Amino acid sequence: MNKYYTTFNRLCILSCLLFAMHVSGSSQDNSADHKAINSLLSDFMKAIQTRDSVSMYSFFADVPVTWVGVWKPATQQQRLKKDEKALGYKVSDFKTWFRAVSASGVK
């Protein structure tokens, strides 16, 4: 039993070391990706704060893309009380969204 116990301990230690090497290696590979993502998000937030439409529009594809938003059931019920024909979704695009954000200010 002692022989199996020491073999098991060695395998556990080896597994832990291999896992630690994998984790430390993968975190180094992702640091450049994290920096790029943080830079992109920083530029995006700066464009919203400064209301810079040229910078903001550069983040989106220059092809027609329709954005569809869905109302939560409780909100839709309130909307239906005001207007019985109110749709349960809304259609928009990124330019309309940015204009609305710019007009209302950053929250």
PDB file of N, CA and C in Angstrom:
ATOM      1  N   MET A   1       0.824  -1.190   0.000  1.00  0.00           N
ATOM      2  CA  MET A   1       0.000   0.000   0.000  1.00  0.00           C
ATOM      3  C   MET A   1       0.868   1.253   0.000  1.00  0.00           C
ATOM      4  N   ASN A   2       1.961   1.233   0.671  1.00  0.00           N
ATOM      5  CA  ASN A   2       2.852   2.377   0.743  1.00  0.00           C
ATOM      6  C   ASN A   2       3.428   2.709  -0.634  1.00  0.00           C
ATOM      7  N   LYS A   3       3.708   1.679  -1.437  1.00  0.00           N
ATOM      8  CA  LYS A   3       4.246   1.869  -2.783  1.00  0.00           C
ATOM      9  C   LYS A   3       3.233   2.618  -3.662  1.00  0.00           C
ATOM     10  N   TYR A   4       1.983   2.219  -3.580  1.00  0.00           N
ATOM     11  CA  TYR A   4       0.944   2.872  -4.372  1.00  0.00           C
ATOM     12  C   TYR A   4       0.692   4.302  -3.899  1.00  0.00           C
ATOM     13  N   TYR A   5       0.799   4.500  -2.613  1.00  0.00           N
ATOM     14  CA  TYR A   5       0.587   5.830  -2.037  1.00  0.00           C
ATOM     15  C   TYR A   5       1.643   6.815  -2.528  1.00  0.00           C
ATOM     16  N   THR A   6       2.898   6.419  -2.554  1.00  0.00           N
ATOM     17  CA  THR A   6       3.963   7.320  -3.028  1.00  0.00           C
ATOM     18  C   THR A   6       3.836   7.560  -4.522  1.00  0.00           C
ATOM     19  N   THR A   7       3.442   6.553  -5.285  1.00  0.00           N
ATOM     20  CA  THR A   7       3.236   6.733  -6.725  1.00  0.00           C
ATOM     21  C   THR A   7       2.089   7.705  -6.972  1.00  0.00           C
ATOM     22  N   PHE A   8       1.032   7.565  -6.202  1.00  0.00           N
ATOM     23  CA  PHE A   8      -0.115   8.472  -6.327  1.00  0.00           C
ATOM     24  C   PHE A   8       0.291   9.904  -5.987  1.00  0.00           C
ATOM     25  N   ASN A   9       1.061  10.081  -4.926  1.00  0.00           N
ATOM     26  CA  ASN A   9       1.535  11.420  -4.550  1.00  0.00           C
ATOM     27  C   ASN A   9       2.378  12.038  -5.654  1.00  0.00           C
ATOM     28  N   ARG A  10       3.250  11.240  -6.228  1.00  0.00           N
ATOM     29  CA  ARG A  10       4.103  11.751  -7.313  1.00  0.00           C
ATOM     30  C   ARG A  10       3.258  12.170  -8.515  1.00  0.00           C
ATOM     31  N   LEU A  11       2.265  11.370  -8.836  1.00  0.00           N
ATOM     32  CA  LEU A  11       1.386  11.718  -9.961  1.00  0.00           C
ATOM     33  C   LEU A  11       0.600  12.996  -9.672  1.00  0.00           C
ATOM     34  N   CYS A  12       0.148  13.161  -8.450  1.00  0.00           N
ATOM     35  CA  CYS A  12      -0.587  14.377  -8.075  1.00  0.00           C
ATOM     36  C   CYS A  12       0.305  15.605  -8.164  1.00  0.00           C
ATOM     37  N   ILE A  13       1.516  15.478  -7.662  1.00  0.00           N
ATOM     38  CA  ILE A  13       2.451  16.609  -7.718  1.00  0.00           C
ATOM     39  C   ILE A  13       2.787  16.944  -9.165  1.00  0.00           C
ATOM     40  N   LEU A  14       3.033  15.926  -9.979  1.00  0.00           N
ATOM     41  CA  LEU A  14       3.340  16.149 -11.390  1.00  0.00           C
ATOM     42  C   LEU A  14       2.158  16.808 -12.102  1.00  0.00           C
ATOM     43  N   SER A  15       0.944  16.352 -11.803  1.00  0.00           N
ATOM     44  CA  SER A  15      -0.249  16.952 -12.416  1.00  0.00           C
ATOM     45  C   SER A  15      -0.395  18.414 -12.023  1.00  0.00           C
ATOM     46  N   CYS A  16      -0.158  18.710 -10.755  1.00  0.00           N
ATOM     47  CA  CYS A  16      -0.252  20.097 -10.289  1.00  0.00           C
ATOM     48  C   CYS A  16       0.790  20.977 -10.962  1.00  0.00           C
ATOM     49  N   LEU A  17       2.006  20.478 -11.105  1.00  0.00           N
ATOM     50  CA  LEU A  17       3.062  21.253 -11.770  1.00  0.00           C
ATOM     51  C   LEU A  17       2.726  21.505 -13.237  1.00  0.00           C
ATOM     52  N   LEU A  18       2.231  20.478 -13.919  1.00  0.00           N
ATOM     53  CA  LEU A  18       1.859  20.654 -15.327  1.00  0.00           C
ATOM     54  C   LEU A  18       0.719  21.660 -15.472  1.00  0.00           C
ATOM     55  N   PHE A  19      -0.248  21.583 -14.584  1.00  0.00           N
ATOM     56  CA  PHE A  19      -1.360  22.530 -14.620  1.00  0.00           C
ATOM     57  C   PHE A  19      -0.869  23.952 -14.363  1.00  0.00           C
ATOM     58  N   ALA A  20       0.015  24.117 -13.389  1.00  0.00           N
ATOM     59  CA  ALA A  20       0.555  25.446 -13.078  1.00  0.00           C
ATOM     60  C   ALA A  20       1.344  26.005 -14.257  1.00  0.00           C
ATOM     61  N   MET A  21       2.105  25.143 -14.935  1.00  0.00           N
ATOM     62  CA  MET A  21       2.862  25.600 -16.106  1.00  0.00           C
ATOM     63  C   MET A  21       1.910  26.034 -17.216  1.00  0.00           C
ATOM     64  N   HIS A  22       0.838  25.290 -17.399  1.00  0.00           N
ATOM     65  CA  HIS A  22      -0.141  25.630 -18.437  1.00  0.00           C
ATOM     66  C   HIS A  22      -0.823  26.961 -18.132  1.00  0.00           C
ATOM     67  N   VAL A  23      -1.217  27.155 -16.895  1.00  0.00           N
ATOM     68  CA  VAL A  23      -1.899  28.393 -16.500  1.00  0.00           C
ATOM     69  C   VAL A  23      -0.971  29.587 -16.650  1.00  0.00           C
ATOM     70  N   SER A  24       0.263  29.464 -16.210  1.00  0.00           N
ATOM     71  CA  SER A  24       1.184  30.603 -16.311  1.00  0.00           C
ATOM     72  C   SER A  24       1.529  30.897 -17.763  1.00  0.00           C
ATOM     73  N   GLY A  25       1.634  29.881 -18.594  1.00  0.00           N
ATOM     74  CA  GLY A  25       1.928  30.102 -20.009  1.00  0.00           C
ATOM     75  C   GLY A  25       0.772  30.736 -20.746  1.00  0.00           C
ATOM     76  N   SER A  26      -0.451  30.326 -20.441  1.00  0.00           N
ATOM     77  CA  SER A  26      -1.602  30.883 -21.146  1.00  0.00           C
ATOM     78  C   SER A  26      -1.869  32.319 -20.739  1.00  0.00           C
ATOM     79  N   SER A  27      -1.560  32.693 -19.510  1.00  0.00           N
ATOM     80  CA  SER A  27      -1.800  34.074 -19.094  1.00  0.00           C
ATOM     81  C   SER A  27      -0.828  35.025 -19.780  1.00  0.00           C
ATOM     82  N   GLN A  28       0.377  34.575 -20.076  1.00  0.00           N
ATOM     83  CA  GLN A  28       1.335  35.423 -20.777  1.00  0.00           C
ATOM     84  C   GLN A  28       0.906  35.637 -22.223  1.00  0.00           C
ATOM     85  N   ASP A  29       0.328  34.615 -22.851  1.00  0.00           N
ATOM     86  CA  ASP A  29      -0.111  34.739 -24.237  1.00  0.00           C
ATOM     87  C   ASP A  29      -1.288  35.700 -24.360  1.00  0.00           C
ATOM     88  N   ASN A  30      -2.120  35.772 -23.350  1.00  0.00           N
ATOM     89  CA  ASN A  30      -3.323  36.587 -23.410  1.00  0.00           C
ATOM     90  C   ASN A  30      -3.095  38.033 -23.010  1.00  0.00           C
ATOM     91  N   SER A  31      -1.934  38.375 -22.480  1.00  0.00           N
ATOM     92  CA  SER A  31      -1.721  39.743 -22.008  1.00  0.00           C
ATOM     93  C   SER A  31      -1.808  40.746 -23.154  1.00  0.00           C
ATOM     94  N   ALA A  32      -1.306  40.397 -24.332  1.00  0.00           N
ATOM     95  CA  ALA A  32      -1.414  41.297 -25.485  1.00  0.00           C
ATOM     96  C   ALA A  32      -2.873  41.459 -25.902  1.00  0.00           C
ATOM     97  N   ASP A  33      -3.634  40.370 -25.848  1.00  0.00           N
ATOM     98  CA  ASP A  33      -5.059  40.440 -26.180  1.00  0.00           C
ATOM     99  C   ASP A  33      -5.807  41.316 -25.187  1.00  0.00           C
ATOM    100  N   HIS A  34      -5.483  41.167 -23.906  1.00  0.00           N
ATOM    101  CA  HIS A  34      -6.143  41.980 -22.876  1.00  0.00           C
ATOM    102  C   HIS A  34      -5.835  43.462 -23.073  1.00  0.00           C
ATOM    103  N   LYS A  35      -4.609  43.767 -23.428  1.00  0.00           N
ATOM    104  CA  LYS A  35      -4.240  45.168 -23.660  1.00  0.00           C
ATOM    105  C   LYS A  35      -5.002  45.727 -24.854  1.00  0.00           C
ATOM    106  N   ALA A  36      -5.117  44.935 -25.913  1.00  0.00           N
ATOM    107  CA  ALA A  36      -5.838  45.386 -27.105  1.00  0.00           C
ATOM    108  C   ALA A  36      -7.320  45.599 -26.802  1.00  0.00           C
ATOM    109  N   ILE A  37      -7.910  44.698 -26.048  1.00  0.00           N
ATOM    110  CA  ILE A  37      -9.327  44.830 -25.689  1.00  0.00           C
ATOM    111  C   ILE A  37      -9.540  46.043 -24.796  1.00  0.00           C
ATOM    112  N   ASN A  38      -8.663  46.228 -23.810  1.00  0.00           N
ATOM    113  CA  ASN A  38      -8.782  47.394 -22.929  1.00  0.00           C
ATOM    114  C   ASN A  38      -8.623  48.691 -23.699  1.00  0.00           C
ATOM    115  N   SER A  39      -7.722  48.716 -24.671  1.00  0.00           N
ATOM    116  CA  SER A  39      -7.536  49.912 -25.494  1.00  0.00           C
ATOM    117  C   SER A  39      -8.790  50.202 -26.314  1.00  0.00           C
ATOM    118  N   LEU A  40      -9.365  49.161 -26.901  1.00  0.00           N
ATOM    119  CA  LEU A  40     -10.584  49.320 -27.694  1.00  0.00           C
ATOM    120  C   LEU A  40     -11.730  49.846 -26.839  1.00  0.00           C
ATOM    121  N   LEU A  41     -11.910  49.259 -25.655  1.00  0.00           N
ATOM    122  CA  LEU A  41     -12.981  49.708 -24.763  1.00  0.00           C
ATOM    123  C   LEU A  41     -12.752  51.135 -24.288  1.00  0.00           C
ATOM    124  N   SER A  42     -11.509  51.480 -24.026  1.00  0.00           N
ATOM    125  CA  SER A  42     -11.185  52.843 -23.604  1.00  0.00           C
ATOM    126  C   SER A  42     -11.525  53.843 -24.707  1.00  0.00           C
ATOM    127  N   ASP A  43     -11.145  53.512 -25.944  1.00  0.00           N
ATOM    128  CA  ASP A  43     -11.462  54.392 -27.075  1.00  0.00           C
ATOM    129  C   ASP A  43     -12.970  54.508 -27.282  1.00  0.00           C
ATOM    130  N   PHE A  44     -13.680  53.397 -27.106  1.00  0.00           N
ATOM    131  CA  PHE A  44     -15.133  53.387 -27.259  1.00  0.00           C
ATOM    132  C   PHE A  44     -15.789  54.301 -26.223  1.00  0.00           C
ATOM    133  N   MET A  45     -15.381  54.168 -24.964  1.00  0.00           N
ATOM    134  CA  MET A  45     -15.953  55.000 -23.901  1.00  0.00           C
ATOM    135  C   MET A  45     -15.591  56.470 -24.101  1.00  0.00           C
ATOM    136  N   LYS A  46     -14.391  56.735 -24.578  1.00  0.00           N
ATOM    137  CA  LYS A  46     -13.980  58.118 -24.829  1.00  0.00           C
ATOM    138  C   LYS A  46     -14.844  58.734 -25.929  1.00  0.00           C
ATOM    139  N   ALA A  47     -15.149  57.955 -26.968  1.00  0.00           N
ATOM    140  CA  ALA A  47     -15.995  58.453 -28.052  1.00  0.00           C
ATOM    141  C   ALA A  47     -17.396  58.775 -27.542  1.00  0.00           C
ATOM    142  N   ILE A  48     -17.910  57.976 -26.621  1.00  0.00           N
ATOM    143  CA  ILE A  48     -19.228  58.259 -26.048  1.00  0.00           C
ATOM    144  C   ILE A  48     -19.168  59.515 -25.190  1.00  0.00           C
ATOM    145  N   GLN A  49     -18.144  59.615 -24.339  1.00  0.00           N
ATOM    146  CA  GLN A  49     -18.041  60.760 -23.434  1.00  0.00           C
ATOM    147  C   GLN A  49     -17.847  62.071 -24.184  1.00  0.00           C
ATOM    148  N   THR A  50     -17.064  62.044 -25.258  1.00  0.00           N
ATOM    149  CA  THR A  50     -16.802  63.270 -26.018  1.00  0.00           C
ATOM    150  C   THR A  50     -17.818  63.484 -27.134  1.00  0.00           C
ATOM    151  N   ARG A  51     -18.725  62.515 -27.291  1.00  0.00           N
ATOM    152  CA  ARG A  51     -19.752  62.573 -28.343  1.00  0.00           C
ATOM    153  C   ARG A  51     -19.119  62.728 -29.729  1.00  0.00           C
ATOM    154  N   ASP A  52     -18.060  61.967 -29.956  1.00  0.00           N
ATOM    155  CA  ASP A  52     -17.317  62.010 -31.217  1.00  0.00           C
ATOM    156  C   ASP A  52     -17.899  60.965 -32.167  1.00  0.00           C
ATOM    157  N   SER A  53     -18.780  61.396 -33.063  1.00  0.00           N
ATOM    158  CA  SER A  53     -19.466  60.455 -33.940  1.00  0.00           C
ATOM    159  C   SER A  53     -18.520  59.802 -34.942  1.00  0.00           C
ATOM    160  N   VAL A  54     -17.512  60.520 -35.418  1.00  0.00           N
ATOM    161  CA  VAL A  54     -16.576  59.936 -36.387  1.00  0.00           C
ATOM    162  C   VAL A  54     -15.837  58.754 -35.754  1.00  0.00           C
ATOM    163  N   SER A  55     -15.337  58.953 -34.542  1.00  0.00           N
ATOM    164  CA  SER A  55     -14.657  57.849 -33.848  1.00  0.00           C
ATOM    165  C   SER A  55     -15.632  56.721 -33.539  1.00  0.00           C
ATOM    166  N   MET A  56     -16.832  57.069 -33.111  1.00  0.00           N
ATOM    167  CA  MET A  56     -17.813  56.055 -32.742  1.00  0.00           C
ATOM    168  C   MET A  56     -18.195  55.203 -33.947  1.00  0.00           C
ATOM    169  N   TYR A  57     -18.444  55.825 -35.080  1.00  0.00           N
ATOM    170  CA  TYR A  57     -18.868  55.071 -36.250  1.00  0.00           C
ATOM    171  C   TYR A  57     -17.762  54.158 -36.762  1.00  0.00           C
ATOM    172  N   SER A  58     -16.501  54.471 -36.467  1.00  0.00           N
ATOM    173  CA  SER A  58     -15.405  53.622 -36.934  1.00  0.00           C
ATOM    174  C   SER A  58     -15.376  52.272 -36.213  1.00  0.00           C
ATOM    175  N   PHE A  59     -16.086  52.143 -35.100  1.00  0.00           N
ATOM    176  CA  PHE A  59     -16.117  50.872 -34.377  1.00  0.00           C
ATOM    177  C   PHE A  59     -17.071  49.870 -35.012  1.00  0.00           C
ATOM    178  N   PHE A  60     -17.928  50.317 -35.911  1.00  0.00           N
ATOM    179  CA  PHE A  60     -18.962  49.460 -36.463  1.00  0.00           C
ATOM    180  C   PHE A  60     -18.692  49.169 -37.934  1.00  0.00           C
ATOM    181  N   ALA A  61     -19.237  48.064 -38.403  1.00  0.00           N
ATOM    182  CA  ALA A  61     -19.086  47.669 -39.798  1.00  0.00           C
ATOM    183  C   ALA A  61     -19.800  48.665 -40.696  1.00  0.00           C
ATOM    184  N   ASP A  62     -19.241  48.892 -41.865  1.00  0.00           N
ATOM    185  CA  ASP A  62     -19.824  49.843 -42.803  1.00  0.00           C
ATOM    186  C   ASP A  62     -20.768  49.124 -43.770  1.00  0.00           C
ATOM    187  N   VAL A  63     -21.600  48.276 -43.213  1.00  0.00           N
ATOM    188  CA  VAL A  63     -22.608  47.563 -43.992  1.00  0.00           C
ATOM    189  C   VAL A  63     -23.933  47.694 -43.251  1.00  0.00           C
ATOM    190  N   PRO A  64     -25.044  47.575 -43.951  1.00  0.00           N
ATOM    191  CA  PRO A  64     -26.330  47.701 -43.269  1.00  0.00           C
ATOM    192  C   PRO A  64     -26.546  46.560 -42.265  1.00  0.00           C
ATOM    193  N   VAL A  65     -26.678  46.909 -41.016  1.00  0.00           N
ATOM    194  CA  VAL A  65     -26.962  45.945 -39.955  1.00  0.00           C
ATOM    195  C   VAL A  65     -28.119  46.512 -39.147  1.00  0.00           C
ATOM    196  N   THR A  66     -29.155  45.731 -38.977  1.00  0.00           N
ATOM    197  CA  THR A  66     -30.308  46.179 -38.206  1.00  0.00           C
ATOM    198  C   THR A  66     -30.186  45.663 -36.785  1.00  0.00           C
ATOM    199  N   TRP A  67     -30.376  46.563 -35.837  1.00  0.00           N
ATOM    200  CA  TRP A  67     -30.383  46.178 -34.425  1.00  0.00           C
ATOM    201  C   TRP A  67     -31.826  45.960 -34.012  1.00  0.00           C
ATOM    202  N   VAL A  68     -32.075  44.892 -33.301  1.00  0.00           N
ATOM    203  CA  VAL A  68     -33.421  44.609 -32.817  1.00  0.00           C
ATOM    204  C   VAL A  68     -33.363  44.490 -31.301  1.00  0.00           C
ATOM    205  N   GLY A  69     -34.205  45.256 -30.635  1.00  0.00           N
ATOM    206  CA  GLY A  69     -34.298  45.183 -29.177  1.00  0.00           C
ATOM    207  C   GLY A  69     -35.646  44.611 -28.793  1.00  0.00           C
ATOM    208  N   VAL A  70     -35.682  43.847 -27.729  1.00  0.00           N
ATOM    209  CA  VAL A  70     -36.916  43.224 -27.269  1.00  0.00           C
ATOM    210  C   VAL A  70     -37.272  43.807 -25.911  1.00  0.00           C
ATOM    211  N   TRP A  71     -38.537  44.172 -25.741  1.00  0.00           N
ATOM    212  CA  TRP A  71     -38.996  44.723 -24.471  1.00  0.00           C
ATOM    213  C   TRP A  71     -39.213  43.601 -23.475  1.00  0.00           C
ATOM    214  N   LYS A  72     -38.935  43.866 -22.206  1.00  0.00           N
ATOM    215  CA  LYS A  72     -39.253  42.905 -21.144  1.00  0.00           C
ATOM    216  C   LYS A  72     -40.770  42.824 -21.025  1.00  0.00           C
ATOM    217  N   PRO A  73     -41.307  41.678 -20.575  1.00  0.00           N
ATOM    218  CA  PRO A  73     -42.766  41.523 -20.505  1.00  0.00           C
ATOM    219  C   PRO A  73     -43.462  42.614 -19.689  1.00  0.00           C
ATOM    220  N   ALA A  74     -42.900  42.999 -18.550  1.00  0.00           N
ATOM    221  CA  ALA A  74     -43.546  44.030 -17.721  1.00  0.00           C
ATOM    222  C   ALA A  74     -43.561  45.373 -18.447  1.00  0.00           C
ATOM    223  N   THR A  75     -42.464  45.706 -19.097  1.00  0.00           N
ATOM    224  CA  THR A  75     -42.393  46.964 -19.848  1.00  0.00           C
ATOM    225  C   THR A  75     -43.363  46.934 -21.021  1.00  0.00           C
ATOM    226  N   GLN A  76     -43.443  45.793 -21.699  1.00  0.00           N
ATOM    227  CA  GLN A  76     -44.353  45.677 -22.834  1.00  0.00           C
ATOM    228  C   GLN A  76     -45.800  45.830 -22.385  1.00  0.00           C
ATOM    229  N   GLN A  77     -46.145  45.307 -21.220  1.00  0.00           N
ATOM    230  CA  GLN A  77     -47.512  45.466 -20.708  1.00  0.00           C
ATOM    231  C   GLN A  77     -47.838  46.936 -20.475  1.00  0.00           C
ATOM    232  N   GLN A  78     -46.885  47.682 -19.931  1.00  0.00           N
ATOM    233  CA  GLN A  78     -47.087  49.123 -19.727  1.00  0.00           C
ATOM    234  C   GLN A  78     -47.225  49.838 -21.064  1.00  0.00           C
ATOM    235  N   ARG A  79     -46.429  49.431 -22.042  1.00  0.00           N
ATOM    236  CA  ARG A  79     -46.514  50.052 -23.364  1.00  0.00           C
ATOM    237  C   ARG A  79     -47.853  49.746 -24.025  1.00  0.00           C
ATOM    238  N   LEU A  80     -48.359  48.518 -23.827  1.00  0.00           N
ATOM    239  CA  LEU A  80     -49.640  48.141 -24.416  1.00  0.00           C
ATOM    240  C   LEU A  80     -50.799  48.902 -23.788  1.00  0.00           C
ATOM    241  N   LYS A  81     -50.679  49.300 -22.522  1.00  0.00           N
ATOM    242  CA  LYS A  81     -51.726  50.107 -21.889  1.00  0.00           C
ATOM    243  C   LYS A  81     -51.825  51.468 -22.566  1.00  0.00           C
ATOM    244  N   LYS A  82     -50.680  52.014 -22.982  1.00  0.00           N
ATOM    245  CA  LYS A  82     -50.667  53.319 -23.649  1.00  0.00           C
ATOM    246  C   LYS A  82     -51.062  53.198 -25.120  1.00  0.00           C
ATOM    247  N   ASP A  83     -50.600  52.126 -25.766  1.00  0.00           N
ATOM    248  CA  ASP A  83     -50.871  51.930 -27.190  1.00  0.00           C
ATOM    249  C   ASP A  83     -51.076  50.435 -27.437  1.00  0.00           C
ATOM    250  N   GLU A  84     -52.302  50.053 -27.789  1.00  0.00           N
ATOM    251  CA  GLU A  84     -52.631  48.640 -27.965  1.00  0.00           C
ATOM    252  C   GLU A  84     -51.885  47.999 -29.125  1.00  0.00           C
ATOM    253  N   LYS A  85     -51.395  48.796 -30.056  1.00  0.00           N
ATOM    254  CA  LYS A  85     -50.710  48.263 -31.231  1.00  0.00           C
ATOM    255  C   LYS A  85     -49.185  48.295 -31.089  1.00  0.00           C
ATOM    256  N   ALA A  86     -48.690  48.571 -29.898  1.00  0.00           N
ATOM    257  CA  ALA A  86     -47.237  48.665 -29.688  1.00  0.00           C
ATOM    258  C   ALA A  86     -46.580  47.310 -29.933  1.00  0.00           C
ATOM    259  N   LEU A  87     -45.520  47.326 -30.712  1.00  0.00           N
ATOM    260  CA  LEU A  87     -44.793  46.101 -31.020  1.00  0.00           C
ATOM    261  C   LEU A  87     -43.952  45.668 -29.821  1.00  0.00           C
ATOM    262  N   GLY A  88     -43.668  44.382 -29.742  1.00  0.00           N
ATOM    263  CA  GLY A  88     -42.858  43.845 -28.654  1.00  0.00           C
ATOM    264  C   GLY A  88     -41.369  43.937 -28.923  1.00  0.00           C
ATOM    265  N   TYR A  89     -41.007  44.597 -29.996  1.00  0.00           N
ATOM    266  CA  TYR A  89     -39.598  44.764 -30.338  1.00  0.00           C
ATOM    267  C   TYR A  89     -39.403  46.132 -30.954  1.00  0.00           C
ATOM    268  N   LYS A  90     -38.155  46.556 -31.051  1.00  0.00           N
ATOM    269  CA  LYS A  90     -37.846  47.826 -31.698  1.00  0.00           C
ATOM    270  C   LYS A  90     -36.698  47.599 -32.670  1.00  0.00           C
ATOM    271  N   VAL A  91     -36.719  48.299 -33.768  1.00  0.00           N
ATOM    272  CA  VAL A  91     -35.688  48.172 -34.792  1.00  0.00           C
ATOM    273  C   VAL A  91     -34.917  49.480 -34.840  1.00  0.00           C
ATOM    274  N   SER A  92     -33.604  49.363 -34.909  1.00  0.00           N
ATOM    275  CA  SER A  92     -32.765  50.557 -34.905  1.00  0.00           C
ATOM    276  C   SER A  92     -31.458  50.246 -35.621  1.00  0.00           C
ATOM    277  N   ASP A  93     -30.524  51.188 -35.567  1.00  0.00           N
ATOM    278  CA  ASP A  93     -29.169  50.966 -36.051  1.00  0.00           C
ATOM    279  C   ASP A  93     -28.206  51.679 -35.113  1.00  0.00           C
ATOM    280  N   PHE A  94     -26.906  51.494 -35.308  1.00  0.00           N
ATOM    281  CA  PHE A  94     -25.943  52.049 -34.357  1.00  0.00           C
ATOM    282  C   PHE A  94     -25.895  53.564 -34.401  1.00  0.00           C
ATOM    283  N   LYS A  95     -26.193  54.168 -35.542  1.00  0.00           N
ATOM    284  CA  LYS A  95     -26.166  55.628 -35.625  1.00  0.00           C
ATOM    285  C   LYS A  95     -27.311  56.230 -34.807  1.00  0.00           C
ATOM    286  N   THR A  96     -28.487  55.624 -34.898  1.00  0.00           N
ATOM    287  CA  THR A  96     -29.622  56.093 -34.104  1.00  0.00           C
ATOM    288  C   THR A  96     -29.334  55.919 -32.618  1.00  0.00           C
ATOM    289  N   TRP A  97     -28.727  54.786 -32.263  1.00  0.00           N
ATOM    290  CA  TRP A  97     -28.375  54.548 -30.862  1.00  0.00           C
ATOM    291  C   TRP A  97     -27.400  55.608 -30.364  1.00  0.00           C
ATOM    292  N   PHE A  98     -26.369  55.906 -31.159  1.00  0.00           N
ATOM    293  CA  PHE A  98     -25.374  56.882 -30.723  1.00  0.00           C
ATOM    294  C   PHE A  98     -25.984  58.277 -30.612  1.00  0.00           C
ATOM    295  N   ARG A  99     -26.873  58.630 -31.532  1.00  0.00           N
ATOM    296  CA  ARG A  99     -27.534  59.937 -31.445  1.00  0.00           C
ATOM    297  C   ARG A  99     -28.362  60.035 -30.167  1.00  0.00           C
ATOM    298  N   ALA A 100     -29.035  58.955 -29.803  1.00  0.00           N
ATOM    299  CA  ALA A 100     -29.838  58.952 -28.573  1.00  0.00           C
ATOM    300  C   ALA A 100     -28.946  59.074 -27.344  1.00  0.00           C
ATOM    301  N   VAL A 101     -27.820  58.382 -27.336  1.00  0.00           N
ATOM    302  CA  VAL A 101     -26.883  58.466 -26.212  1.00  0.00           C
ATOM    303  C   VAL A 101     -26.297  59.862 -26.129  1.00  0.00           C
ATOM    304  N   SER A 102     -25.947  60.438 -27.269  1.00  0.00           N
ATOM    305  CA  SER A 102     -25.363  61.783 -27.285  1.00  0.00           C
ATOM    306  C   SER A 102     -26.359  62.830 -26.814  1.00  0.00           C
ATOM    307  N   ALA A 103     -27.612  62.659 -27.188  1.00  0.00           N
ATOM    308  CA  ALA A 103     -28.627  63.640 -26.803  1.00  0.00           C
ATOM    309  C   ALA A 103     -28.950  63.570 -25.314  1.00  0.00           C
ATOM    310  N   SER A 104     -28.950  62.354 -24.761  1.00  0.00           N
ATOM    311  CA  SER A 104     -29.319  62.209 -23.351  1.00  0.00           C
ATOM    312  C   SER A 104     -28.134  62.343 -22.414  1.00  0.00           C
ATOM    313  N   GLY A 105     -26.937  62.279 -22.939  1.00  0.00           N
ATOM    314  CA  GLY A 105     -25.748  62.364 -22.088  1.00  0.00           C
ATOM    315  C   GLY A 105     -25.352  61.005 -21.561  1.00  0.00           C
ATOM    316  N   VAL A 106     -24.168  60.930 -21.015  1.00  0.00           N
ATOM    317  CA  VAL A 106     -23.653  59.675 -20.476  1.00  0.00           C
ATOM    318  C   VAL A 106     -24.234  59.459 -19.093  1.00  0.00           C
ATOM    319  N   LYS A 107     -24.742  58.259 -18.847  1.00  0.00           N
ATOM    320  CA  LYS A 107     -25.350  57.945 -17.547  1.00  0.00           C
ATOM    321  C   LYS A 107     -24.373  57.174 -16.700  1.00  0.00           C
TER     322      LYS A 107
END
